[in-house]
Structures are given as C-alpha cells and as structure tokens.
Amino acid sequence: MKQLSHIDQAGKSCMVDIADKSSTRRTATACATVLFPPSVYKQLKESKLESAKGSIIDTANIAGIMAAKKTAELIPMCHPLPVDYCKLSFTQNDDEHSLLITAMVKVTHKTGVEMEALTAASVAALTVYDMCKALSHDIHINHVHLVNKTGGKSNV
C-alpha cells in the first residue's frame, strides 16, 4: 500500500528527504480551463483578448512563469527548485467558450516539478479571471490537472 510522502511515522507533516537522490532531467505539464459566459467570451474574442488592464494572455503568461518559480514559497512542503524552463500556452475553444491554459516546466534536480506546473497553470487561470472579472463574475476555473511528468521513478 502506498503511503503519503509528506506524513512521517508519527502522523506529522514533513518535507520529503531528497538528500540522497540523484539529479535527473524532469518535466511536468499541467492544464487549467477557464470557462466564460458566451457573451463574455464573444466580447473577449472581439477584443483579441485585450482588456482595460492590458493583454490578458501576456499578463497571465508572466504570472504563470512567476508562479512556477515561486511555488515553494506558496506550498509548504515543496522544495525550492531552480526552474530551467517554463512555457505556457493558451488555446481558445469557441465551442465551449473557454480558454485552455497549458504549463510545461523543466528542471534538472532531485525532485519533480509537478507542483510548479500545476501552480503555473492555476495562477495563470486566476490572472485571466482577475483580468476579466469586470465583465462577469460568472467565470469558472475548471479541470486543473497534471497531464504528464517525466524523470525520477515514475512517469505519468
């Protein structure tokens, strides 16, 4: 039976000991979906995803990259990682009135970057919400999930 990695034998939260692990090339990709009311989506498409606050995509991209680099400051048991690469992509889905945000993170280290990719996608989605909330508060962030990871013991 698998055990939670951040709980010690006494049931207390703890950071995983990676001291004896080898550094390997690791990647992770995560996604988040932002769903808009149809009228808001139409307005955003017509404005080419520009708002009174500026470019929605450019701002979300920068926020996602910053979030990946600061994940250990936000999630208590994450190890601080020297992120080698972070790239976000934004895909509009006209049928679902949505924006798919994909974050891919790379590092050469002793532990994986799943949390960095998930954090990047999540914060980028939150930034899109922030940039668009003047149009509607009926914007939803859904399906934040890990798509894949490579390196270390397991690939997903």
Protein backbone atom coordinates (compact mmCIF):
# COMPACT_ATOMS: atom_id res chain seq x y z
CA MET A 1 0.00 0.00 0.00
CA LYS A 2 1.31 3.46 -0.91
CA GLN A 3 1.96 5.96 1.84
CA LEU A 4 1.62 9.73 1.81
CA SER A 5 5.10 11.12 1.27
CA HIS A 6 4.64 14.25 3.39
CA ILE A 7 3.50 12.48 6.57
CA ASP A 8 6.06 10.94 8.92
CA GLN A 9 5.60 7.77 11.02
CA ALA A 10 4.15 9.82 13.87
CA GLY A 11 1.49 11.28 11.55
CA LYS A 12 3.09 14.74 11.40
CA SER A 13 3.61 16.73 8.23
CA CYS A 14 7.18 16.74 6.96
CA MET A 15 9.29 17.64 3.96
CA VAL A 16 10.48 14.67 1.91
CA ASP A 17 14.20 13.95 2.32
CA ILE A 18 15.76 14.14 -1.15
CA ALA A 19 19.37 14.42 0.04
CA ASP A 20 20.41 11.00 -1.29
CA LYS A 21 18.52 11.19 -4.58
CA SER A 22 20.28 11.81 -7.88
CA SER A 23 19.56 14.81 -10.03
CA THR A 24 17.83 13.92 -13.28
CA ARG A 25 16.09 15.83 -16.06
CA ARG A 26 12.43 16.21 -15.06
CA THR A 27 9.45 17.76 -16.80
CA ALA A 28 5.80 18.23 -15.98
CA THR A 29 2.83 19.56 -17.91
CA ALA A 30 -0.40 20.73 -16.31
CA CYS A 31 -3.58 22.33 -17.60
CA ALA A 32 -6.39 24.54 -16.37
CA THR A 33 -9.54 25.59 -18.19
CA VAL A 34 -11.22 28.98 -17.83
CA LEU A 35 -14.92 28.91 -18.82
CA PHE A 36 -16.66 32.14 -19.78
CA PRO A 37 -20.31 33.04 -20.25
CA PRO A 38 -20.95 33.07 -24.03
CA SER A 39 -21.41 36.86 -24.17
CA VAL A 40 -18.16 37.47 -22.27
CA TYR A 41 -16.26 35.01 -24.48
CA LYS A 42 -17.60 36.80 -27.58
CA GLN A 43 -16.53 40.18 -26.19
CA LEU A 44 -13.05 38.84 -25.38
CA LYS A 45 -12.64 37.35 -28.85
CA GLU A 46 -13.70 40.62 -30.46
CA SER A 47 -11.13 42.50 -28.35
CA LYS A 48 -8.42 39.94 -29.25
CA LEU A 49 -8.13 39.15 -25.51
CA GLU A 50 -7.28 42.72 -24.59
CA SER A 51 -8.82 44.34 -21.53
CA ALA A 52 -8.72 47.74 -19.89
CA LYS A 53 -5.89 46.29 -17.78
CA GLY A 54 -3.86 45.24 -20.85
CA SER A 55 -3.20 42.00 -22.69
CA ILE A 56 -4.91 39.15 -20.87
CA ILE A 57 -2.63 36.50 -22.35
CA ASP A 58 0.63 38.39 -21.83
CA THR A 59 -0.24 39.14 -18.22
CA ALA A 60 -1.34 35.55 -17.49
CA ASN A 61 1.81 34.21 -19.15
CA ILE A 62 4.08 36.30 -16.94
CA ALA A 63 2.04 35.42 -13.84
CA GLY A 64 2.28 31.70 -14.62
CA ILE A 65 6.04 31.82 -15.09
CA MET A 66 6.48 33.79 -11.87
CA ALA A 67 4.26 31.31 -10.03
CA ALA A 68 6.28 28.32 -11.22
CA LYS A 69 9.44 29.94 -9.87
CA LYS A 70 7.81 30.76 -6.51
CA THR A 71 5.92 27.50 -5.87
CA ALA A 72 7.99 26.58 -2.81
CA GLU A 73 7.02 29.90 -1.24
CA LEU A 74 3.33 29.04 -1.62
CA ILE A 75 3.16 25.31 -0.88
CA PRO A 76 4.84 24.48 2.42
CA MET A 77 6.39 21.06 1.68
CA CYS A 78 7.67 21.85 -1.83
CA HIS A 79 11.41 22.02 -2.29
CA PRO A 80 12.68 25.24 -3.86
CA LEU A 81 13.72 24.34 -7.38
CA PRO A 82 15.88 26.22 -9.87
CA VAL A 83 13.39 26.14 -12.75
CA ASP A 84 15.27 25.65 -16.02
CA TYR A 85 12.33 26.37 -18.30
CA CYS A 86 8.66 27.29 -18.11
CA LYS A 87 6.35 27.77 -21.07
CA LEU A 88 2.64 28.47 -21.05
CA SER A 89 0.29 28.16 -23.99
CA PHE A 90 -3.26 29.46 -24.35
CA THR A 91 -5.82 27.80 -26.62
CA GLN A 92 -9.26 29.24 -27.25
CA ASN A 93 -12.16 26.81 -27.60
CA ASP A 94 -15.05 28.56 -29.33
CA ASP A 95 -17.48 25.66 -28.85
CA GLU A 96 -17.03 25.65 -25.06
CA HIS A 97 -16.41 29.41 -24.64
CA SER A 98 -13.21 28.53 -22.84
CA LEU A 99 -9.51 29.12 -22.67
CA LEU A 100 -7.23 26.13 -22.09
CA ILE A 101 -4.02 27.03 -20.29
CA THR A 102 -1.14 24.57 -20.53
CA ALA A 103 2.02 24.98 -18.46
CA MET A 104 5.18 22.97 -19.09
CA VAL A 105 8.09 23.16 -16.64
CA LYS A 106 11.58 21.63 -16.84
CA VAL A 107 14.28 21.21 -14.22
CA THR A 108 17.36 19.11 -13.56
CA HIS A 109 17.06 18.24 -9.91
CA LYS A 110 16.38 15.58 -7.28
CA THR A 111 12.61 16.04 -7.25
CA GLY A 112 9.87 16.59 -9.79
CA VAL A 113 8.16 19.74 -11.00
CA GLU A 114 4.51 18.68 -10.93
CA MET A 115 3.62 21.30 -8.34
CA GLU A 116 5.40 24.01 -10.32
CA ALA A 117 3.44 23.13 -13.48
CA LEU A 118 0.14 22.94 -11.56
CA THR A 119 0.86 26.24 -9.83
CA ALA A 120 1.78 27.93 -13.11
CA ALA A 121 -1.46 26.80 -14.79
CA SER A 122 -3.55 27.72 -11.74
CA VAL A 123 -2.09 31.20 -11.27
CA ALA A 124 -2.34 31.92 -14.99
CA ALA A 125 -6.04 30.95 -14.81
CA LEU A 126 -6.55 33.14 -11.74
CA THR A 127 -4.89 36.00 -13.60
CA VAL A 128 -7.27 35.56 -16.54
CA TYR A 129 -10.14 35.69 -14.05
CA ASP A 130 -8.73 38.86 -12.50
CA MET A 131 -8.30 40.50 -15.89
CA CYS A 132 -11.89 39.62 -16.91
CA LYS A 133 -13.91 39.90 -13.69
CA ALA A 134 -15.14 43.39 -14.59
CA LEU A 135 -17.12 41.74 -17.40
CA SER A 136 -18.61 38.97 -15.23
CA HIS A 137 -18.11 37.08 -12.01
CA ASP A 138 -19.64 34.01 -13.66
CA ILE A 139 -16.24 32.86 -14.95
CA HIS A 140 -15.18 29.38 -13.82
CA ILE A 141 -11.76 27.78 -13.46
CA ASN A 142 -12.06 24.02 -14.00
CA HIS A 143 -10.07 20.89 -14.63
CA VAL A 144 -6.74 21.88 -13.13
CA HIS A 145 -4.76 18.68 -13.55
CA LEU A 146 -1.40 17.10 -14.26
CA VAL A 147 -1.17 15.96 -17.88
CA ASN A 148 2.20 14.22 -17.68
CA LYS A 149 5.54 14.11 -15.94
CA THR A 150 8.89 12.60 -16.83
CA GLY A 151 12.03 11.84 -14.89
CA GLY A 152 12.55 10.34 -11.49
CA LYS A 153 10.98 6.98 -10.58
CA SER A 154 7.66 7.34 -12.33
CA ASN A 155 6.27 8.84 -15.47
CA VAL A 156 2.61 9.79 -15.68
